[in-house]
Amino acid sequence: ALSGLPVIGICEASMYEASAGGRRFGIATVTPDLVA
């Protein structure tokens, strides 16, 4: 909202890629307290 540049987050980008074409996707990670 504040920047005049394109800004990308690695979570949003990976979810867009993983779900491309209606693909079902999961996450594998090490941090249980971030699952929610």
PDB file of all heavy atoms in Angstrom:
ATOM      1  N   ALA A   1       0.813  -1.211   0.000  1.00  0.00           N
ATOM      2  CA  ALA A   1       0.000   0.000   0.000  1.00  0.00           C
ATOM      3  C   ALA A   1       0.847   1.262   0.000  1.00  0.00           C
ATOM      4  O   ALA A   1       0.448   2.286  -0.566  1.00  0.00           O
ATOM      5  CB  ALA A   1      -0.926  -0.008   1.218  1.00  0.00           C
ATOM      6  N   LEU A   2       2.034   1.184   0.617  1.00  0.00           N
ATOM      7  CA  LEU A   2       2.870   2.370   0.762  1.00  0.00           C
ATOM      8  C   LEU A   2       3.919   2.524  -0.328  1.00  0.00           C
ATOM      9  O   LEU A   2       4.379   3.632  -0.599  1.00  0.00           O
ATOM     10  CB  LEU A   2       3.579   2.342   2.130  1.00  0.00           C
ATOM     11  CG  LEU A   2       2.679   2.451   3.357  1.00  0.00           C
ATOM     12  CD1 LEU A   2       3.498   2.254   4.625  1.00  0.00           C
ATOM     13  CD2 LEU A   2       1.965   3.793   3.386  1.00  0.00           C
ATOM     14  N   SER A   3       4.298   1.439  -0.943  1.00  0.00           N
ATOM     15  CA  SER A   3       5.392   1.469  -1.914  1.00  0.00           C
ATOM     16  C   SER A   3       4.879   1.678  -3.332  1.00  0.00           C
ATOM     17  O   SER A   3       3.793   1.215  -3.692  1.00  0.00           O
ATOM     18  CB  SER A   3       6.189   0.164  -1.854  1.00  0.00           C
ATOM     19  OG  SER A   3       7.190   0.140  -2.857  1.00  0.00           O
ATOM     20  N   GLY A   4       5.670   2.335  -4.130  1.00  0.00           N
ATOM     21  CA  GLY A   4       5.350   2.482  -5.548  1.00  0.00           C
ATOM     22  C   GLY A   4       5.922   1.375  -6.401  1.00  0.00           C
ATOM     23  O   GLY A   4       5.791   1.390  -7.629  1.00  0.00           O
ATOM     24  N   LEU A   5       6.541   0.394  -5.758  1.00  0.00           N
ATOM     25  CA  LEU A   5       7.179  -0.710  -6.476  1.00  0.00           C
ATOM     26  C   LEU A   5       6.326  -1.971  -6.411  1.00  0.00           C
ATOM     27  O   LEU A   5       5.512  -2.129  -5.505  1.00  0.00           O
ATOM     28  CB  LEU A   5       8.546  -1.025  -5.853  1.00  0.00           C
ATOM     29  CG  LEU A   5       9.571   0.098  -5.809  1.00  0.00           C
ATOM     30  CD1 LEU A   5      10.832  -0.401  -5.111  1.00  0.00           C
ATOM     31  CD2 LEU A   5       9.900   0.592  -7.210  1.00  0.00           C
ATOM     32  N   PRO A   6       6.528  -2.909  -7.337  1.00  0.00           N
ATOM     33  CA  PRO A   6       5.926  -4.234  -7.164  1.00  0.00           C
ATOM     34  C   PRO A   6       6.554  -4.926  -5.958  1.00  0.00           C
ATOM     35  O   PRO A   6       7.775  -4.906  -5.793  1.00  0.00           O
ATOM     36  CB  PRO A   6       6.252  -4.962  -8.471  1.00  0.00           C
ATOM     37  CG  PRO A   6       7.366  -4.201  -9.089  1.00  0.00           C
ATOM     38  CD  PRO A   6       7.262  -2.794  -8.613  1.00  0.00           C
ATOM     39  N   VAL A   7       5.708  -5.507  -5.119  1.00  0.00           N
ATOM     40  CA  VAL A   7       6.156  -6.162  -3.887  1.00  0.00           C
ATOM     41  C   VAL A   7       5.563  -7.560  -3.849  1.00  0.00           C
ATOM     42  O   VAL A   7       4.349  -7.729  -3.990  1.00  0.00           O
ATOM     43  CB  VAL A   7       5.699  -5.380  -2.635  1.00  0.00           C
ATOM     44  CG1 VAL A   7       6.299  -6.014  -1.378  1.00  0.00           C
ATOM     45  CG2 VAL A   7       6.077  -3.906  -2.731  1.00  0.00           C
ATOM     46  N   ILE A   8       6.406  -8.557  -3.637  1.00  0.00           N
ATOM     47  CA  ILE A   8       5.975  -9.952  -3.636  1.00  0.00           C
ATOM     48  C   ILE A   8       6.389 -10.618  -2.331  1.00  0.00           C
ATOM     49  O   ILE A   8       7.507 -10.438  -1.850  1.00  0.00           O
ATOM     50  CB  ILE A   8       6.618 -10.725  -4.811  1.00  0.00           C
ATOM     51  CG1 ILE A   8       6.260 -10.093  -6.153  1.00  0.00           C
ATOM     52  CG2 ILE A   8       6.209 -12.200  -4.773  1.00  0.00           C
ATOM     53  CD1 ILE A   8       4.802 -10.109  -6.491  1.00  0.00           C
ATOM     54  N   GLY A   9       5.490 -11.419  -1.754  1.00  0.00           N
ATOM     55  CA  GLY A   9       5.823 -12.234  -0.590  1.00  0.00           C
ATOM     56  C   GLY A   9       6.040 -13.673  -1.011  1.00  0.00           C
ATOM     57  O   GLY A   9       5.356 -14.173  -1.917  1.00  0.00           O
ATOM     58  N   ILE A  10       6.978 -14.348  -0.370  1.00  0.00           N
ATOM     59  CA  ILE A  10       7.286 -15.717  -0.801  1.00  0.00           C
ATOM     60  C   ILE A  10       6.143 -16.678  -0.504  1.00  0.00           C
ATOM     61  O   ILE A  10       5.984 -17.683  -1.210  1.00  0.00           O
ATOM     62  CB  ILE A  10       8.616 -16.238  -0.206  1.00  0.00           C
ATOM     63  CG1 ILE A  10       8.563 -16.350   1.321  1.00  0.00           C
ATOM     64  CG2 ILE A  10       9.785 -15.365  -0.638  1.00  0.00           C
ATOM     65  CD1 ILE A  10       9.777 -17.069   1.910  1.00  0.00           C
ATOM     66  N   CYS A  11       5.326 -16.390   0.516  1.00  0.00           N
ATOM     67  CA  CYS A  11       4.192 -17.276   0.801  1.00  0.00           C
ATOM     68  C   CYS A  11       3.127 -17.136  -0.274  1.00  0.00           C
ATOM     69  O   CYS A  11       2.663 -18.119  -0.845  1.00  0.00           O
ATOM     70  CB  CYS A  11       3.623 -16.973   2.175  1.00  0.00           C
ATOM     71  SG  CYS A  11       2.291 -18.095   2.671  1.00  0.00           S
ATOM     72  N   GLU A  12       2.719 -15.904  -0.575  1.00  0.00           N
ATOM     73  CA  GLU A  12       1.684 -15.715  -1.591  1.00  0.00           C
ATOM     74  C   GLU A  12       2.144 -16.256  -2.939  1.00  0.00           C
ATOM     75  O   GLU A  12       1.376 -16.908  -3.647  1.00  0.00           O
ATOM     76  CB  GLU A  12       1.291 -14.242  -1.717  1.00  0.00           C
ATOM     77  CG  GLU A  12       2.374 -13.328  -2.249  1.00  0.00           C
ATOM     78  CD  GLU A  12       1.868 -11.941  -2.635  1.00  0.00           C
ATOM     79  OE1 GLU A  12       0.686 -11.635  -2.377  1.00  0.00           O
ATOM     80  OE2 GLU A  12       2.670 -11.163  -3.190  1.00  0.00           O
ATOM     81  N   ALA A  13       3.401 -15.995  -3.309  1.00  0.00           N
ATOM     82  CA  ALA A  13       3.898 -16.434  -4.610  1.00  0.00           C
ATOM     83  C   ALA A  13       3.889 -17.946  -4.718  1.00  0.00           C
ATOM     84  O   ALA A  13       3.491 -18.521  -5.741  1.00  0.00           O
ATOM     85  CB  ALA A  13       5.319 -15.903  -4.841  1.00  0.00           C
ATOM     86  N   SER A  14       4.316 -18.624  -3.659  1.00  0.00           N
ATOM     87  CA  SER A  14       4.367 -20.085  -3.704  1.00  0.00           C
ATOM     88  C   SER A  14       2.974 -20.694  -3.717  1.00  0.00           C
ATOM     89  O   SER A  14       2.736 -21.718  -4.368  1.00  0.00           O
ATOM     90  CB  SER A  14       5.188 -20.635  -2.535  1.00  0.00           C
ATOM     91  OG  SER A  14       4.630 -20.268  -1.293  1.00  0.00           O
ATOM     92  N   MET A  15       2.019 -20.071  -3.023  1.00  0.00           N
ATOM     93  CA  MET A  15       0.641 -20.578  -3.048  1.00  0.00           C
ATOM     94  C   MET A  15       0.017 -20.390  -4.427  1.00  0.00           C
ATOM     95  O   MET A  15      -0.707 -21.274  -4.907  1.00  0.00           O
ATOM     96  CB  MET A  15      -0.197 -19.914  -1.964  1.00  0.00           C
ATOM     97  CG  MET A  15       0.108 -20.411  -0.567  1.00  0.00           C
ATOM     98  SD  MET A  15      -1.093 -19.802   0.668  1.00  0.00           S
ATOM     99  CE  MET A  15      -0.536 -20.695   2.137  1.00  0.00           C
ATOM    100  N   TYR A  16       0.284 -19.269  -5.062  1.00  0.00           N
ATOM    101  CA  TYR A  16      -0.209 -19.081  -6.425  1.00  0.00           C
ATOM    102  C   TYR A  16       0.358 -20.146  -7.357  1.00  0.00           C
ATOM    103  O   TYR A  16      -0.355 -20.726  -8.173  1.00  0.00           O
ATOM    104  CB  TYR A  16       0.168 -17.689  -6.939  1.00  0.00           C
ATOM    105  CG  TYR A  16      -0.631 -16.559  -6.365  1.00  0.00           C
ATOM    106  CD1 TYR A  16      -0.019 -15.336  -6.085  1.00  0.00           C
ATOM    107  CD2 TYR A  16      -2.000 -16.671  -6.113  1.00  0.00           C
ATOM    108  CE1 TYR A  16      -0.746 -14.268  -5.572  1.00  0.00           C
ATOM    109  CE2 TYR A  16      -2.729 -15.615  -5.596  1.00  0.00           C
ATOM    110  CZ  TYR A  16      -2.089 -14.409  -5.323  1.00  0.00           C
ATOM    111  OH  TYR A  16      -2.813 -13.355  -4.816  1.00  0.00           O
ATOM    112  N   GLU A  17       1.660 -20.400  -7.243  1.00  0.00           N
ATOM    113  CA  GLU A  17       2.276 -21.408  -8.119  1.00  0.00           C
ATOM    114  C   GLU A  17       1.754 -22.803  -7.808  1.00  0.00           C
ATOM    115  O   GLU A  17       1.417 -23.575  -8.712  1.00  0.00           O
ATOM    116  CB  GLU A  17       3.801 -21.393  -7.987  1.00  0.00           C
ATOM    117  CG  GLU A  17       4.462 -22.424  -8.867  1.00  0.00           C
ATOM    118  CD  GLU A  17       5.969 -22.476  -8.770  1.00  0.00           C
ATOM    119  OE1 GLU A  17       6.569 -21.593  -8.126  1.00  0.00           O
ATOM    120  OE2 GLU A  17       6.556 -23.419  -9.338  1.00  0.00           O
ATOM    121  N   ALA A  18       1.693 -23.134  -6.526  1.00  0.00           N
ATOM    122  CA  ALA A  18       1.289 -24.489  -6.138  1.00  0.00           C
ATOM    123  C   ALA A  18      -0.138 -24.801  -6.563  1.00  0.00           C
ATOM    124  O   ALA A  18      -0.455 -25.941  -6.901  1.00  0.00           O
ATOM    125  CB  ALA A  18       1.426 -24.656  -4.627  1.00  0.00           C
ATOM    126  N   SER A  19      -1.003 -23.780  -6.558  1.00  0.00           N
ATOM    127  CA  SER A  19      -2.423 -23.995  -6.858  1.00  0.00           C
ATOM    128  C   SER A  19      -2.765 -23.796  -8.329  1.00  0.00           C
ATOM    129  O   SER A  19      -3.944 -23.877  -8.703  1.00  0.00           O
ATOM    130  CB  SER A  19      -3.268 -23.025  -6.020  1.00  0.00           C
ATOM    131  OG  SER A  19      -2.989 -21.676  -6.371  1.00  0.00           O
ATOM    132  N   ALA A  20      -1.774 -23.548  -9.155  1.00  0.00           N
ATOM    133  CA  ALA A  20      -2.026 -23.271 -10.574  1.00  0.00           C
ATOM    134  C   ALA A  20      -2.820 -24.403 -11.214  1.00  0.00           C
ATOM    135  O   ALA A  20      -2.534 -25.588 -10.997  1.00  0.00           O
ATOM    136  CB  ALA A  20      -0.706 -23.084 -11.316  1.00  0.00           C
ATOM    137  N   GLY A  21      -3.836 -24.038 -11.987  1.00  0.00           N
ATOM    138  CA  GLY A  21      -4.648 -25.038 -12.655  1.00  0.00           C
ATOM    139  C   GLY A  21      -5.576 -25.804 -11.736  1.00  0.00           C
ATOM    140  O   GLY A  21      -6.056 -26.885 -12.083  1.00  0.00           O
ATOM    141  N   GLY A  22      -5.830 -25.254 -10.534  1.00  0.00           N
ATOM    142  CA  GLY A  22      -6.705 -25.932  -9.586  1.00  0.00           C
ATOM    143  C   GLY A  22      -6.039 -27.082  -8.863  1.00  0.00           C
ATOM    144  O   GLY A  22      -6.717 -27.972  -8.331  1.00  0.00           O
ATOM    145  N   ARG A  23      -4.714 -27.044  -8.789  1.00  0.00           N
ATOM    146  CA  ARG A  23      -3.962 -28.131  -8.151  1.00  0.00           C
ATOM    147  C   ARG A  23      -4.091 -28.050  -6.634  1.00  0.00           C
ATOM    148  O   ARG A  23      -3.997 -26.989  -6.034  1.00  0.00           O
ATOM    149  CB  ARG A  23      -2.495 -27.992  -8.586  1.00  0.00           C
ATOM    150  CG  ARG A  23      -1.590 -29.128  -8.222  1.00  0.00           C
ATOM    151  CD  ARG A  23      -0.288 -29.058  -9.013  1.00  0.00           C
ATOM    152  NE  ARG A  23       0.421 -27.787  -8.868  1.00  0.00           N
ATOM    153  CZ  ARG A  23       1.570 -27.517  -9.474  1.00  0.00           C
ATOM    154  NH1 ARG A  23       2.141 -28.426 -10.266  1.00  0.00           N
ATOM    155  NH2 ARG A  23       2.170 -26.360  -9.304  1.00  0.00           N
ATOM    156  N   ARG A  24      -4.307 -29.196  -5.989  1.00  0.00           N
ATOM    157  CA  ARG A  24      -4.340 -29.275  -4.533  1.00  0.00           C
ATOM    158  C   ARG A  24      -2.915 -29.221  -3.992  1.00  0.00           C
ATOM    159  O   ARG A  24      -2.021 -29.848  -4.550  1.00  0.00           O
ATOM    160  CB  ARG A  24      -5.026 -30.566  -4.076  1.00  0.00           C
ATOM    161  CG  ARG A  24      -6.534 -30.562  -4.325  1.00  0.00           C
ATOM    162  CD  ARG A  24      -7.139 -31.961  -4.202  1.00  0.00           C
ATOM    163  NE  ARG A  24      -6.851 -32.586  -2.919  1.00  0.00           N
ATOM    164  CZ  ARG A  24      -7.499 -32.353  -1.787  1.00  0.00           C
ATOM    165  NH1 ARG A  24      -8.477 -31.467  -1.766  1.00  0.00           N
ATOM    166  NH2 ARG A  24      -7.187 -32.978  -0.673  1.00  0.00           N
ATOM    167  N   PHE A  25      -2.730 -28.463  -2.914  1.00  0.00           N
ATOM    168  CA  PHE A  25      -1.364 -28.273  -2.418  1.00  0.00           C
ATOM    169  C   PHE A  25      -1.307 -28.316  -0.898  1.00  0.00           C
ATOM    170  O   PHE A  25      -2.264 -27.978  -0.200  1.00  0.00           O
ATOM    171  CB  PHE A  25      -0.784 -26.941  -2.914  1.00  0.00           C
ATOM    172  CG  PHE A  25      -1.426 -25.722  -2.305  1.00  0.00           C
ATOM    173  CD1 PHE A  25      -0.881 -25.101  -1.187  1.00  0.00           C
ATOM    174  CD2 PHE A  25      -2.582 -25.174  -2.852  1.00  0.00           C
ATOM    175  CE1 PHE A  25      -1.470 -23.977  -0.622  1.00  0.00           C
ATOM    176  CE2 PHE A  25      -3.190 -24.049  -2.294  1.00  0.00           C
ATOM    177  CZ  PHE A  25      -2.623 -23.446  -1.179  1.00  0.00           C
ATOM    178  N   GLY A  26      -0.164 -28.744  -0.407  1.00  0.00           N
ATOM    179  CA  GLY A  26       0.105 -28.752   1.021  1.00  0.00           C
ATOM    180  C   GLY A  26       1.384 -28.014   1.316  1.00  0.00           C
ATOM    181  O   GLY A  26       2.063 -27.521   0.417  1.00  0.00           O
ATOM    182  N   ILE A  27       1.712 -27.938   2.596  1.00  0.00           N
ATOM    183  CA  ILE A  27       2.932 -27.270   3.048  1.00  0.00           C
ATOM    184  C   ILE A  27       3.702 -28.219   3.949  1.00  0.00           C
ATOM    185  O   ILE A  27       3.118 -28.875   4.817  1.00  0.00           O
ATOM    186  CB  ILE A  27       2.611 -25.974   3.820  1.00  0.00           C
ATOM    187  CG1 ILE A  27       1.966 -24.943   2.881  1.00  0.00           C
ATOM    188  CG2 ILE A  27       3.860 -25.390   4.474  1.00  0.00           C
ATOM    189  CD1 ILE A  27       1.415 -23.721   3.597  1.00  0.00           C
ATOM    190  N   ALA A  28       5.003 -28.298   3.747  1.00  0.00           N
ATOM    191  CA  ALA A  28       5.902 -29.033   4.640  1.00  0.00           C
ATOM    192  C   ALA A  28       6.832 -28.018   5.284  1.00  0.00           C
ATOM    193  O   ALA A  28       7.459 -27.211   4.584  1.00  0.00           O
ATOM    194  CB  ALA A  28       6.707 -30.070   3.861  1.00  0.00           C
ATOM    195  N   THR A  29       6.926 -28.046   6.615  1.00  0.00           N
ATOM    196  CA  THR A  29       7.726 -27.033   7.282  1.00  0.00           C
ATOM    197  C   THR A  29       8.169 -27.508   8.659  1.00  0.00           C
ATOM    198  O   THR A  29       7.860 -28.631   9.077  1.00  0.00           O
ATOM    199  CB  THR A  29       6.950 -25.703   7.384  1.00  0.00           C
ATOM    200  OG1 THR A  29       7.838 -24.657   7.757  1.00  0.00           O
ATOM    201  CG2 THR A  29       5.798 -25.805   8.357  1.00  0.00           C
ATOM    202  N   VAL A  30       8.863 -26.600   9.374  1.00  0.00           N
ATOM    203  CA  VAL A  30       9.455 -26.954  10.668  1.00  0.00           C
ATOM    204  C   VAL A  30       8.826 -26.201  11.834  1.00  0.00           C
ATOM    205  O   VAL A  30       9.199 -26.422  12.983  1.00  0.00           O
ATOM    206  CB  VAL A  30      10.974 -26.672  10.653  1.00  0.00           C
ATOM    207  CG1 VAL A  30      11.669 -27.461   9.559  1.00  0.00           C
ATOM    208  CG2 VAL A  30      11.271 -25.178  10.488  1.00  0.00           C
ATOM    209  N   THR A  31       7.878 -25.289  11.567  1.00  0.00           N
ATOM    210  CA  THR A  31       7.410 -24.352  12.591  1.00  0.00           C
ATOM    211  C   THR A  31       5.948 -24.597  12.975  1.00  0.00           C
ATOM    212  O   THR A  31       5.038 -24.027  12.365  1.00  0.00           O
ATOM    213  CB  THR A  31       7.571 -22.899  12.091  1.00  0.00           C
ATOM    214  OG1 THR A  31       7.001 -22.797  10.766  1.00  0.00           O
ATOM    215  CG2 THR A  31       9.034 -22.512  12.033  1.00  0.00           C
ATOM    216  N   PRO A  32       5.694 -25.392  13.997  1.00  0.00           N
ATOM    217  CA  PRO A  32       4.310 -25.719  14.370  1.00  0.00           C
ATOM    218  C   PRO A  32       3.494 -24.515  14.796  1.00  0.00           C
ATOM    219  O   PRO A  32       2.272 -24.481  14.591  1.00  0.00           O
ATOM    220  CB  PRO A  32       4.485 -26.702  15.533  1.00  0.00           C
ATOM    221  CG  PRO A  32       5.872 -26.497  16.041  1.00  0.00           C
ATOM    222  CD  PRO A  32       6.678 -26.102  14.851  1.00  0.00           C
ATOM    223  N   ASP A  33       4.117 -23.500  15.372  1.00  0.00           N
ATOM    224  CA  ASP A  33       3.361 -22.361  15.880  1.00  0.00           C
ATOM    225  C   ASP A  33       2.967 -21.362  14.791  1.00  0.00           C
ATOM    226  O   ASP A  33       2.365 -20.324  15.097  1.00  0.00           O
ATOM    227  CB  ASP A  33       4.167 -21.645  16.965  1.00  0.00           C
ATOM    228  CG  ASP A  33       4.334 -22.495  18.215  1.00  0.00           C
ATOM    229  OD1 ASP A  33       3.474 -23.361  18.447  1.00  0.00           O
ATOM    230  OD2 ASP A  33       5.315 -22.307  18.952  1.00  0.00           O
ATOM    231  N   LEU A  34       3.303 -21.670  13.539  1.00  0.00           N
ATOM    232  CA  LEU A  34       2.898 -20.812  12.426  1.00  0.00           C
ATOM    233  C   LEU A  34       1.858 -21.478  11.526  1.00  0.00           C
ATOM    234  O   LEU A  34       1.428 -20.885  10.539  1.00  0.00           O
ATOM    235  CB  LEU A  34       4.120 -20.417  11.584  1.00  0.00           C
ATOM    236  CG  LEU A  34       5.067 -19.405  12.234  1.00  0.00           C
ATOM    237  CD1 LEU A  34       6.324 -19.237  11.386  1.00  0.00           C
ATOM    238  CD2 LEU A  34       4.386 -18.053  12.415  1.00  0.00           C
ATOM    239  N   VAL A  35       1.449 -22.682  11.876  1.00  0.00           N
ATOM    240  CA  VAL A  35       0.531 -23.441  11.017  1.00  0.00           C
ATOM    241  C   VAL A  35      -0.776 -22.680  10.770  1.00  0.00           C
ATOM    242  O   VAL A  35      -1.285 -22.628   9.652  1.00  0.00           O
ATOM    243  CB  VAL A  35       0.258 -24.830  11.620  1.00  0.00           C
ATOM    244  CG1 VAL A  35      -0.898 -25.519  10.911  1.00  0.00           C
ATOM    245  CG2 VAL A  35       1.508 -25.691  11.533  1.00  0.00           C
ATOM    246  N   ALA A  36      -1.320 -22.081  11.812  1.00  0.00           N
ATOM    247  CA  ALA A  36      -2.587 -21.354  11.666  1.00  0.00           C
ATOM    248  C   ALA A  36      -2.454 -20.197  10.683  1.00  0.00           C
ATOM    249  O   ALA A  36      -3.385 -19.891   9.932  1.00  0.00           O
ATOM    250  CB  ALA A  36      -3.064 -20.845  13.020  1.00  0.00           C
TER     251      ALA A  36
END
